[in-house]
């Protein structure tokens, strides 16, 4: 008689939490904007700015609160997302404060310092970020609200059309006014839309992946499956027509096409998406005056008609990029205030281009690229289809927004009226993007968290094999 002993094994040790790495990166994410703030003060007055200590403590406090919450409630989340978002937010605050010191902008009617408001919005954004991590224990809970998210997104997108609530700002109806505050619902709608698309495509992806015929090397989808993309395309066109909001229209449709491609792995959806977006944009531009004006300003930024219509921001932006050269004029030593009221919002990247040069702009775009890359990495690591689609949808929305804003400011595409995430002045944008980062961190934590070890089975600890 012989016996063999079997002992249950403990699960493999999972990935390290990397929270100390995040803390070290957060220190750099606070010091770098603080150093930039010091440089701006020295360039403008020759002295250290009086609010330097308060700014550093405020930004450090926001970063510290975010880190503590992540360490406690999302210990295995991606260690780079929070420092990267903090760095962009901090640099944006510095440039907004720098533009507040411009005598040209101070002479404008209804001038109000934007930096204190932006710091308040950043604090609200971090509070929402904390709330997401505290309340959203598992991102898969959001899947239950797929169709509720669709209704919520439609309500948010239609709010600017409500009489007495919506505001027409320079031809675009993308704002609402509530209690003295201006809110851009489209910034929050992109998150809600991503939740709906992720839930819908997870269920319908097999049907959407079927192809009926092949044409010029592309597998064409079945006619009945074109319905969803046609509906979303029509909705994006309606947004463009009634709200004259090119940015939200591109973001809305582009995010759906990206998520559709990821869900089905069909290149034909990308081709159809590009063709339909081009047809829709050209069609609307042919009869919508506001869109025509933006296209004219894009094609001929230095023409007399554009300047007479007070649409010379693109021309001033291009000159700001040109005068910055490779290394820039230095923080606080540019003239991007010539752009006017939108220098700290839509055109804030032009200020970076002039004062930090091509090198600085490339560094900013690299930080944005890292955020998108970490979001895509989170999607690849997610263990459930809904999490994969939601992470890729949020990352895609973030990437599309950066592209359309940077492209508009640099003259690559017409202006869209959107703002650079975290950098530009605007409460809706910074608050919504902090919530977006919070959801990505929750998905990342779930994906990287080690699986629980199986409980030992006392009955299986020892077995005896009796042989004759």
Protein backbone atom coordinates (compact mmCIF):
# COMPACT_ATOMS: atom_id res chain seq x y z
CA UNK A 1 0.00 0.00 0.00
CA UNK A 2 1.29 3.44 -0.88
CA UNK A 3 -0.12 6.86 -0.29
CA UNK A 4 0.20 10.19 -1.98
CA UNK A 5 -0.46 13.49 -0.40
CA UNK A 6 -2.13 16.36 -2.29
CA UNK A 7 -2.02 19.85 -0.81
CA UNK A 8 -4.08 22.68 -2.20
CA UNK A 9 -1.94 25.43 -3.66
CA UNK A 10 -2.26 29.11 -3.01
CA UNK A 11 -3.05 31.37 -5.98
CA UNK A 12 -0.22 33.13 -7.69
CA UNK A 13 0.76 36.51 -6.41
CA UNK A 14 -0.77 39.23 -8.56
CA UNK A 15 0.72 42.40 -9.95
CA UNK A 16 2.13 44.92 -7.44
CA UNK A 17 -0.11 47.85 -6.60
CA UNK A 18 2.46 50.47 -7.77
CA UNK A 19 1.02 53.09 -5.44
CA UNK A 20 4.48 54.27 -4.33
CA UNK A 21 5.35 54.78 -8.00
CA UNK A 22 2.21 56.86 -8.37
CA UNK A 23 3.15 58.95 -5.32
CA UNK A 24 6.63 59.68 -6.71
CA UNK A 25 5.16 60.67 -10.08
CA UNK A 26 2.60 62.89 -8.36
CA UNK A 27 5.44 64.76 -6.65
CA UNK A 28 6.88 65.60 -10.09
CA UNK A 29 3.37 66.43 -11.37
CA UNK A 30 3.10 69.12 -8.64
CA UNK A 31 6.69 70.42 -8.76
CA UNK A 32 6.75 70.96 -12.55
CA UNK A 33 3.70 73.32 -12.62
CA UNK A 34 5.04 75.06 -9.51
CA UNK A 35 8.33 75.68 -11.30
CA UNK A 36 6.41 76.96 -14.34
CA UNK A 37 4.40 79.29 -12.07
CA UNK A 38 7.64 80.67 -10.67
CA UNK A 39 9.01 81.25 -14.19
CA UNK A 40 5.90 83.13 -15.25
CA UNK A 41 6.09 85.40 -12.20
CA UNK A 42 9.76 86.17 -12.78
CA UNK A 43 9.12 86.90 -16.46
CA UNK A 44 6.21 89.26 -15.76
CA UNK A 45 7.41 91.18 -12.70
CA UNK A 46 10.96 90.02 -11.98
CA UNK A 47 9.81 88.64 -8.64
CA UNK A 48 8.40 85.40 -7.33
CA UNK A 49 4.57 85.50 -7.50
CA UNK A 50 2.92 86.12 -4.16
CA UNK A 51 0.45 83.27 -4.61
CA UNK A 52 3.10 80.70 -5.35
CA UNK A 53 2.94 78.99 -1.97
CA UNK A 54 -0.85 78.87 -1.93
CA UNK A 55 -0.94 77.50 -5.48
CA UNK A 56 1.57 74.78 -4.65
CA UNK A 57 -0.27 73.79 -1.50
CA UNK A 58 -3.63 73.75 -3.29
CA UNK A 59 -2.43 71.59 -6.16
CA UNK A 60 -0.53 69.33 -3.76
CA UNK A 61 -3.63 68.93 -1.60
CA UNK A 62 -5.78 67.93 -4.58
CA UNK A 63 -3.14 65.45 -5.75
CA UNK A 64 -2.71 64.05 -2.22
CA UNK A 65 -6.44 63.52 -1.72
CA UNK A 66 -6.70 61.75 -5.06
CA UNK A 67 -3.73 59.53 -4.24
CA UNK A 68 -5.04 58.56 -0.79
CA UNK A 69 -8.41 57.57 -2.22
CA UNK A 70 -6.81 55.56 -5.02
CA UNK A 71 -4.45 53.84 -2.56
CA UNK A 72 -7.39 52.92 -0.32
CA UNK A 73 -10.16 52.06 -2.78
CA UNK A 74 -8.38 51.22 -6.07
CA UNK A 75 -5.05 49.85 -4.92
CA UNK A 76 -4.24 48.06 -8.17
CA UNK A 77 -5.25 50.82 -10.57
CA UNK A 78 -2.94 52.19 -13.24
CA UNK A 79 -0.20 54.30 -11.57
CA UNK A 80 0.19 56.83 -14.42
CA UNK A 81 -3.31 58.17 -15.07
CA UNK A 82 -3.63 60.28 -11.91
CA UNK A 83 -0.15 61.93 -12.19
CA UNK A 84 -0.65 62.68 -15.90
CA UNK A 85 -4.05 64.28 -15.30
CA UNK A 86 -2.64 66.27 -12.35
CA UNK A 87 0.27 67.53 -14.45
CA UNK A 88 -2.00 68.76 -17.25
CA UNK A 89 -4.41 70.34 -14.79
CA UNK A 90 -1.55 72.11 -13.01
CA UNK A 91 0.02 73.45 -16.19
CA UNK A 92 -3.38 74.66 -17.36
CA UNK A 93 -3.85 76.61 -14.12
CA UNK A 94 -0.44 78.26 -14.62
CA UNK A 95 -1.18 79.43 -18.16
CA UNK A 96 -4.68 80.62 -17.22
CA UNK A 97 -3.16 82.68 -14.39
CA UNK A 98 -0.53 84.00 -16.78
CA UNK A 99 -3.25 85.23 -19.16
CA UNK A 100 -5.10 86.82 -16.24
CA UNK A 101 -2.10 89.14 -15.84
CA UNK A 102 -2.39 90.44 -19.42
CA UNK A 103 -3.17 94.16 -19.51
CA UNK A 104 -4.86 93.72 -22.88
CA UNK A 105 -7.30 91.17 -21.51
CA UNK A 106 -7.84 93.15 -18.30
CA UNK A 107 -9.12 96.08 -20.39
CA UNK A 108 -11.94 93.98 -21.84
CA UNK A 109 -15.47 94.45 -20.54
CA UNK A 110 -16.65 92.05 -17.85
CA UNK A 111 -13.09 90.85 -17.22
CA UNK A 112 -12.90 88.38 -14.35
CA UNK A 113 -9.82 86.50 -13.23
CA UNK A 114 -10.24 82.95 -14.46
CA UNK A 115 -7.53 81.18 -12.45
CA UNK A 116 -9.39 81.18 -9.07
CA UNK A 117 -12.51 79.83 -10.77
CA UNK A 118 -10.49 77.16 -12.56
CA UNK A 119 -8.91 76.09 -9.27
CA UNK A 120 -12.40 75.77 -7.81
CA UNK A 121 -13.55 73.72 -10.81
CA UNK A 122 -10.48 71.51 -10.44
CA UNK A 123 -11.35 70.89 -6.80
CA UNK A 124 -14.91 69.94 -7.82
CA UNK A 125 -13.48 67.66 -10.49
CA UNK A 126 -11.23 65.88 -8.00
CA UNK A 127 -14.21 65.58 -5.64
CA UNK A 128 -16.20 63.89 -8.43
CA UNK A 129 -13.16 61.70 -9.16
CA UNK A 130 -13.17 60.65 -5.50
CA UNK A 131 -16.91 60.07 -5.61
CA UNK A 132 -16.58 57.77 -8.63
CA UNK A 133 -13.99 55.61 -6.86
CA UNK A 134 -15.98 55.52 -3.62
CA UNK A 135 -19.40 54.78 -5.09
CA UNK A 136 -18.51 52.74 -8.17
CA UNK A 137 -17.19 49.56 -6.61
CA UNK A 138 -17.47 47.58 -9.84
CA UNK A 139 -17.70 49.13 -13.30
CA UNK A 140 -19.88 46.24 -14.50
CA UNK A 141 -22.76 47.72 -12.52
CA UNK A 142 -23.01 50.39 -15.22
CA UNK A 143 -24.04 47.74 -17.72
CA UNK A 144 -27.43 47.55 -16.03
CA UNK A 145 -28.13 51.14 -17.09
CA UNK A 146 -27.44 50.72 -20.80
CA UNK A 147 -30.73 52.11 -22.11
CA UNK A 148 -31.15 54.54 -19.23
CA UNK A 149 -27.77 55.93 -20.30
CA UNK A 150 -29.10 56.36 -23.83
CA UNK A 151 -32.04 58.43 -22.53
CA UNK A 152 -29.74 60.42 -20.25
CA UNK A 153 -27.34 61.19 -23.08
CA UNK A 154 -30.18 62.40 -25.32
CA UNK A 155 -31.48 64.64 -22.55
CA UNK A 156 -28.02 66.14 -22.00
CA UNK A 157 -27.54 66.75 -25.72
CA UNK A 158 -30.97 68.36 -26.11
CA UNK A 159 -30.81 70.62 -23.04
CA UNK A 160 -29.16 73.54 -24.92
CA UNK A 161 -32.22 73.66 -27.20
CA UNK A 162 -34.63 74.26 -24.32
CA UNK A 163 -35.91 77.88 -24.45
CA UNK A 164 -34.79 79.90 -21.46
CA UNK A 165 -32.19 77.32 -20.50
CA UNK A 166 -29.91 77.07 -23.51
CA UNK A 167 -27.46 79.79 -24.53
CA UNK A 168 -26.29 80.81 -27.98
CA UNK A 169 -22.60 81.65 -27.64
CA UNK A 170 -21.00 82.89 -30.88
CA UNK A 171 -23.42 80.90 -33.02
CA UNK A 172 -23.19 77.56 -31.16
CA UNK A 173 -25.95 76.33 -28.86
CA UNK A 174 -23.88 74.13 -26.58
CA UNK A 175 -24.32 75.86 -23.22
CA UNK A 176 -27.01 76.05 -20.57
CA UNK A 177 -27.23 78.48 -17.67
CA UNK A 178 -28.22 77.19 -14.25
CA UNK A 179 -28.13 79.42 -11.17
CA UNK A 180 -25.63 81.85 -12.65
CA UNK A 181 -23.30 79.09 -13.86
CA UNK A 182 -22.73 78.10 -17.48
CA UNK A 183 -22.60 74.35 -18.11
CA UNK A 184 -21.69 72.47 -21.27
CA UNK A 185 -23.79 69.26 -21.11
CA UNK A 186 -21.95 67.68 -24.05
CA UNK A 187 -18.86 67.18 -21.87
CA UNK A 188 -20.83 64.91 -19.55
CA UNK A 189 -22.82 63.34 -22.39
CA UNK A 190 -19.67 61.76 -23.85
CA UNK A 191 -19.28 59.61 -20.71
CA UNK A 192 -22.92 58.59 -20.63
CA UNK A 193 -22.89 57.81 -24.36
CA UNK A 194 -19.82 55.60 -23.90
CA UNK A 195 -21.71 53.58 -21.26
CA UNK A 196 -24.65 53.08 -23.64
CA UNK A 197 -22.47 52.15 -26.61
CA UNK A 198 -20.47 49.66 -24.51
CA UNK A 199 -23.60 47.94 -23.25
CA UNK A 200 -25.31 47.92 -26.64
CA UNK A 201 -22.33 46.71 -28.67
CA UNK A 202 -21.54 43.97 -26.16
CA UNK A 203 -24.91 42.43 -26.92
CA UNK A 204 -25.07 43.15 -30.66
CA UNK A 205 -21.44 42.70 -31.68
CA UNK A 206 -21.90 39.22 -33.20
CA UNK A 207 -24.70 40.41 -35.48
CA UNK A 208 -22.78 43.54 -36.45
CA UNK A 209 -19.68 41.48 -37.28
CA UNK A 210 -21.47 39.46 -39.98
CA UNK A 211 -20.70 40.39 -43.58
CA UNK A 212 -22.93 39.82 -46.57
CA UNK A 213 -20.56 40.47 -49.48
CA UNK A 214 -17.06 41.63 -50.31
CA UNK A 215 -16.32 44.76 -52.32
CA UNK A 216 -12.85 46.13 -53.16
CA UNK A 217 -11.25 44.07 -50.43
CA UNK A 218 -13.75 45.14 -47.77
CA UNK A 219 -16.33 42.93 -46.11
CA UNK A 220 -19.57 44.85 -46.33
CA UNK A 221 -22.01 44.56 -43.40
CA UNK A 222 -25.50 43.29 -43.94
CA UNK A 223 -28.11 45.85 -44.84
CA UNK A 224 -30.18 45.22 -41.73
CA UNK A 225 -27.13 45.83 -39.52
CA UNK A 226 -26.53 49.28 -41.02
CA UNK A 227 -29.46 50.53 -38.95
CA UNK A 228 -27.54 51.39 -35.76
CA UNK A 229 -24.80 53.34 -37.51
CA UNK A 230 -27.35 55.20 -39.63
CA UNK A 231 -29.33 56.16 -36.52
CA UNK A 232 -26.21 57.42 -34.72
CA UNK A 233 -25.09 59.23 -37.88
CA UNK A 234 -28.48 60.92 -38.15
CA UNK A 235 -28.36 61.98 -34.51
CA UNK A 236 -24.91 63.51 -34.96
CA UNK A 237 -26.15 65.41 -38.01
CA UNK A 238 -29.16 66.70 -36.07
CA UNK A 239 -26.82 67.95 -33.34
CA UNK A 240 -24.76 69.71 -35.99
CA UNK A 241 -27.84 71.27 -37.61
CA UNK A 242 -29.79 72.42 -34.56
CA UNK A 243 -26.91 73.22 -32.19
CA UNK A 244 -24.28 74.04 -34.87
CA UNK A 245 -21.85 72.11 -32.69
CA UNK A 246 -19.29 70.49 -34.95
CA UNK A 247 -17.15 69.28 -32.04
CA UNK A 248 -19.81 67.26 -30.21
CA UNK A 249 -21.09 65.87 -33.52
CA UNK A 250 -17.62 64.59 -34.48
CA UNK A 251 -16.97 63.27 -30.98
CA UNK A 252 -20.32 61.50 -30.77
CA UNK A 253 -20.10 59.75 -34.14
CA UNK A 254 -16.35 59.11 -34.03
CA UNK A 255 -16.55 57.40 -30.64
CA UNK A 256 -19.30 55.09 -31.88
CA UNK A 257 -17.33 54.10 -34.98
CA UNK A 258 -14.19 53.38 -32.92
CA UNK A 259 -16.12 51.23 -30.45
CA UNK A 260 -17.94 49.50 -33.31
CA UNK A 261 -14.63 48.63 -34.96
CA UNK A 262 -13.19 47.27 -31.71
CA UNK A 263 -16.32 45.21 -31.04
CA UNK A 264 -16.61 43.68 -34.52
CA UNK A 265 -13.02 43.86 -35.87
CA UNK A 266 -14.45 44.90 -39.24
CA UNK A 267 -12.44 47.54 -41.13
CA UNK A 268 -15.49 48.23 -43.27
CA UNK A 269 -17.16 50.03 -40.35
CA UNK A 270 -14.26 52.52 -40.23
CA UNK A 271 -14.59 53.17 -43.96
CA UNK A 272 -18.35 53.62 -43.72
CA UNK A 273 -17.92 55.89 -40.71
CA UNK A 274 -15.43 58.16 -42.44
CA UNK A 275 -17.54 58.38 -45.60
CA UNK A 276 -20.73 59.13 -43.69
CA UNK A 277 -19.08 61.75 -41.49
CA UNK A 278 -17.62 63.46 -44.57
CA UNK A 279 -20.97 63.43 -46.39
CA UNK A 280 -22.79 64.78 -43.35
CA UNK A 281 -20.28 67.56 -42.66
CA UNK A 282 -20.21 68.71 -46.30
CA UNK A 283 -24.00 68.63 -46.55
CA UNK A 284 -24.53 70.69 -43.40
CA UNK A 285 -21.77 73.14 -44.34
CA UNK A 286 -23.57 73.84 -47.61
CA UNK A 287 -26.56 75.50 -45.92
CA UNK A 288 -25.68 76.27 -42.26
CA UNK A 289 -24.22 79.83 -42.03
CA UNK A 290 -22.32 79.26 -38.76
CA UNK A 291 -20.61 76.17 -40.12
CA UNK A 292 -19.87 77.98 -43.38
CA UNK A 293 -18.25 80.82 -41.43
CA UNK A 294 -15.98 78.41 -39.58
CA UNK A 295 -15.02 76.65 -42.81
CA UNK A 296 -14.22 80.02 -44.45
CA UNK A 297 -12.10 81.03 -41.46
CA UNK A 298 -10.28 77.70 -41.73
CA UNK A 299 -9.64 77.91 -45.47
CA UNK A 300 -8.77 81.63 -45.55
CA UNK A 301 -7.72 82.68 -42.04
CA UNK A 302 -5.97 85.86 -43.24
CA UNK A 303 -8.70 87.13 -45.59
CA UNK A 304 -10.29 90.54 -45.03
CA UNK A 305 -13.80 89.11 -44.74
CA UNK A 306 -12.76 86.79 -41.94
CA UNK A 307 -11.06 89.61 -40.03
CA UNK A 308 -14.08 91.90 -40.46
CA UNK A 309 -16.32 89.19 -38.95
CA UNK A 310 -14.10 89.08 -35.85
CA UNK A 311 -13.08 85.52 -36.78
CA UNK A 312 -9.35 86.14 -36.91
CA UNK A 313 -8.57 83.89 -33.93
CA UNK A 314 -7.17 81.20 -36.21
CA UNK A 315 -4.85 83.73 -37.87
CA UNK A 316 -3.64 84.97 -34.49
CA UNK A 317 -3.23 81.37 -33.32
CA UNK A 318 -1.12 80.43 -36.35
CA UNK A 319 1.07 83.48 -35.82
CA UNK A 320 1.49 82.54 -32.16
CA UNK A 321 2.70 79.07 -33.13
CA UNK A 322 5.01 80.58 -35.74
CA UNK A 323 6.56 83.12 -33.39
CA UNK A 324 7.21 80.40 -30.81
CA UNK A 325 9.59 78.52 -33.06
CA UNK A 326 11.22 75.38 -31.70
CA UNK A 327 11.93 76.37 -28.09
CA UNK A 328 9.41 79.19 -27.56
CA UNK A 329 9.68 82.74 -26.31
CA UNK A 330 9.63 81.67 -22.66
CA UNK A 331 6.80 81.39 -20.17
CA UNK A 332 5.14 84.76 -19.63
CA UNK A 333 6.89 86.40 -22.59
CA UNK A 334 4.45 85.68 -25.42
CA UNK A 335 1.62 87.70 -26.95
CA UNK A 336 -1.12 85.10 -27.28
CA UNK A 337 -3.48 87.54 -25.53
CA UNK A 338 -3.93 89.02 -29.02
CA UNK A 339 -6.19 86.04 -29.70
CA UNK A 340 -8.73 87.64 -27.38
CA UNK A 341 -11.34 86.22 -25.04
CA UNK A 342 -10.73 82.59 -26.09
CA UNK A 343 -6.99 82.67 -25.37
CA UNK A 344 -7.43 80.75 -22.11
CA UNK A 345 -10.07 78.32 -23.37
CA UNK A 346 -10.35 77.21 -27.00
CA UNK A 347 -6.90 78.53 -27.95
CA UNK A 348 -4.87 77.80 -24.84
CA UNK A 349 -2.67 75.43 -26.85
CA UNK A 350 -1.55 78.43 -28.89
CA UNK A 351 -0.16 80.01 -25.72
CA UNK A 352 1.85 76.85 -25.08
CA UNK A 353 2.98 76.90 -28.70
CA UNK A 354 4.26 80.46 -28.48
CA UNK A 355 5.84 80.40 -25.05
CA UNK A 356 7.10 76.79 -24.98
CA UNK A 357 7.62 76.31 -28.71
CA UNK A 358 7.34 73.16 -30.76
CA UNK A 359 9.15 71.21 -28.06
CA UNK A 360 6.59 72.20 -25.44
CA UNK A 361 3.62 71.41 -27.67
CA UNK A 362 5.06 68.00 -28.48
CA UNK A 363 5.54 67.36 -24.76
CA UNK A 364 1.90 68.28 -24.07
CA UNK A 365 0.66 66.06 -26.89
CA UNK A 366 2.88 63.25 -25.59
CA UNK A 367 1.21 63.50 -22.17
CA UNK A 368 -2.18 63.27 -23.85
CA UNK A 369 -0.93 60.31 -25.85
CA UNK A 370 0.20 58.58 -22.66
CA UNK A 371 -3.25 59.01 -21.12
CA UNK A 372 -4.85 57.46 -24.21
CA UNK A 373 -2.26 54.66 -24.23
CA UNK A 374 -2.92 53.83 -20.59
CA UNK A 375 -6.64 53.79 -21.34
CA UNK A 376 -6.13 51.38 -24.23
CA UNK A 377 -3.86 49.24 -22.06
CA UNK A 378 -6.65 49.15 -19.48
CA UNK A 379 -9.06 47.99 -22.19
CA UNK A 380 -6.67 45.19 -23.19
CA UNK A 381 -6.28 44.09 -19.59
CA UNK A 382 -10.01 44.16 -18.74
CA UNK A 383 -11.45 40.70 -18.14
CA UNK A 384 -15.01 41.42 -19.27
CA UNK A 385 -16.29 42.61 -22.69
CA UNK A 386 -18.21 45.53 -21.21
CA UNK A 387 -15.12 46.84 -19.43
CA UNK A 388 -13.05 46.51 -22.60
CA UNK A 389 -15.55 48.45 -24.68
CA UNK A 390 -16.12 51.11 -22.02
CA UNK A 391 -12.40 51.72 -21.54
CA UNK A 392 -11.76 51.93 -25.29
CA UNK A 393 -14.79 54.21 -25.70
CA UNK A 394 -13.64 56.64 -23.01
CA UNK A 395 -10.07 56.59 -24.32
CA UNK A 396 -11.31 57.09 -27.87
CA UNK A 397 -13.50 60.03 -26.83
CA UNK A 398 -10.55 61.61 -25.03
CA UNK A 399 -8.29 61.12 -28.07
CA UNK A 400 -10.87 62.47 -30.52
CA UNK A 401 -11.42 65.57 -28.37
CA UNK A 402 -7.70 66.29 -28.23
CA UNK A 403 -7.42 65.80 -32.00
CA UNK A 404 -10.32 68.05 -32.98
CA UNK A 405 -9.23 70.84 -30.60
CA UNK A 406 -5.53 70.71 -31.51
CA UNK A 407 -6.41 70.32 -35.19
CA UNK A 408 -8.70 73.35 -35.10
CA UNK A 409 -6.20 75.57 -33.30
CA UNK A 410 -3.39 74.55 -35.66
CA UNK A 411 -5.50 75.01 -38.80
CA UNK A 412 -5.70 71.33 -39.68
CA UNK A 413 -9.51 71.19 -39.47
CA UNK A 414 -12.22 73.84 -38.84
CA UNK A 415 -12.68 75.08 -35.29
CA UNK A 416 -15.06 72.98 -33.23
CA UNK A 417 -15.67 75.03 -30.08
CA UNK A 418 -14.40 72.29 -27.77
CA UNK A 419 -11.65 72.74 -25.18
CA UNK A 420 -8.43 70.89 -24.47
CA UNK A 421 -9.04 68.44 -21.60
CA UNK A 422 -7.58 69.61 -18.26
CA UNK A 423 -5.63 72.49 -19.84
CA UNK A 424 -8.29 74.93 -20.98
CA UNK A 425 -10.46 77.15 -18.84
CA UNK A 426 -13.93 75.68 -18.33
CA UNK A 427 -15.65 73.98 -15.43
CA UNK A 428 -17.64 71.43 -17.44
CA UNK A 429 -14.58 70.15 -19.24
CA UNK A 430 -12.27 69.71 -16.25
CA UNK A 431 -15.00 68.18 -14.06
CA UNK A 432 -16.15 65.71 -16.73
CA UNK A 433 -12.61 64.64 -17.57
CA UNK A 434 -11.76 63.99 -13.93
CA UNK A 435 -14.82 61.71 -13.81
CA UNK A 436 -13.59 60.00 -16.99
CA UNK A 437 -10.20 59.32 -15.40
CA UNK A 438 -11.95 57.96 -12.30
CA UNK A 439 -13.90 55.42 -14.35
CA UNK A 440 -10.75 54.35 -16.19
CA UNK A 441 -8.97 53.85 -12.85
CA UNK A 442 -11.85 51.72 -11.58
CA UNK A 443 -11.73 49.50 -14.69
CA UNK A 444 -7.94 49.31 -14.37
CA UNK A 445 -8.15 48.31 -10.71
CA UNK A 446 -10.60 45.51 -11.51
CA UNK A 447 -8.42 44.30 -14.38
CA UNK A 448 -5.12 44.29 -12.46
CA UNK A 449 -6.42 43.10 -9.12
CA UNK A 450 -5.22 39.54 -8.38
CA UNK A 451 -7.90 36.89 -8.46
CA UNK A 452 -8.82 35.62 -4.99
CA UNK A 453 -7.09 32.41 -3.96
CA UNK A 454 -9.35 29.36 -3.79
CA UNK A 455 -10.31 28.27 -0.29
CA UNK A 456 -8.54 25.10 0.90
CA UNK A 457 -10.62 21.92 0.63
CA UNK A 458 -10.04 19.75 3.73
CA UNK A 459 -11.43 16.67 1.99
CA UNK A 460 -8.82 16.94 -0.75
CA UNK A 461 -5.78 17.45 1.46
CA UNK A 462 -4.95 13.78 1.53
CA UNK A 463 -6.09 10.89 -0.60
CA UNK A 464 -5.04 7.33 -0.34
CA UNK A 465 -4.68 5.06 -3.31
CA UNK A 466 -4.98 1.39 -2.48
CA UNK A 467 -3.39 -0.99 -4.95
CA UNK A 468 -3.72 -4.77 -4.85
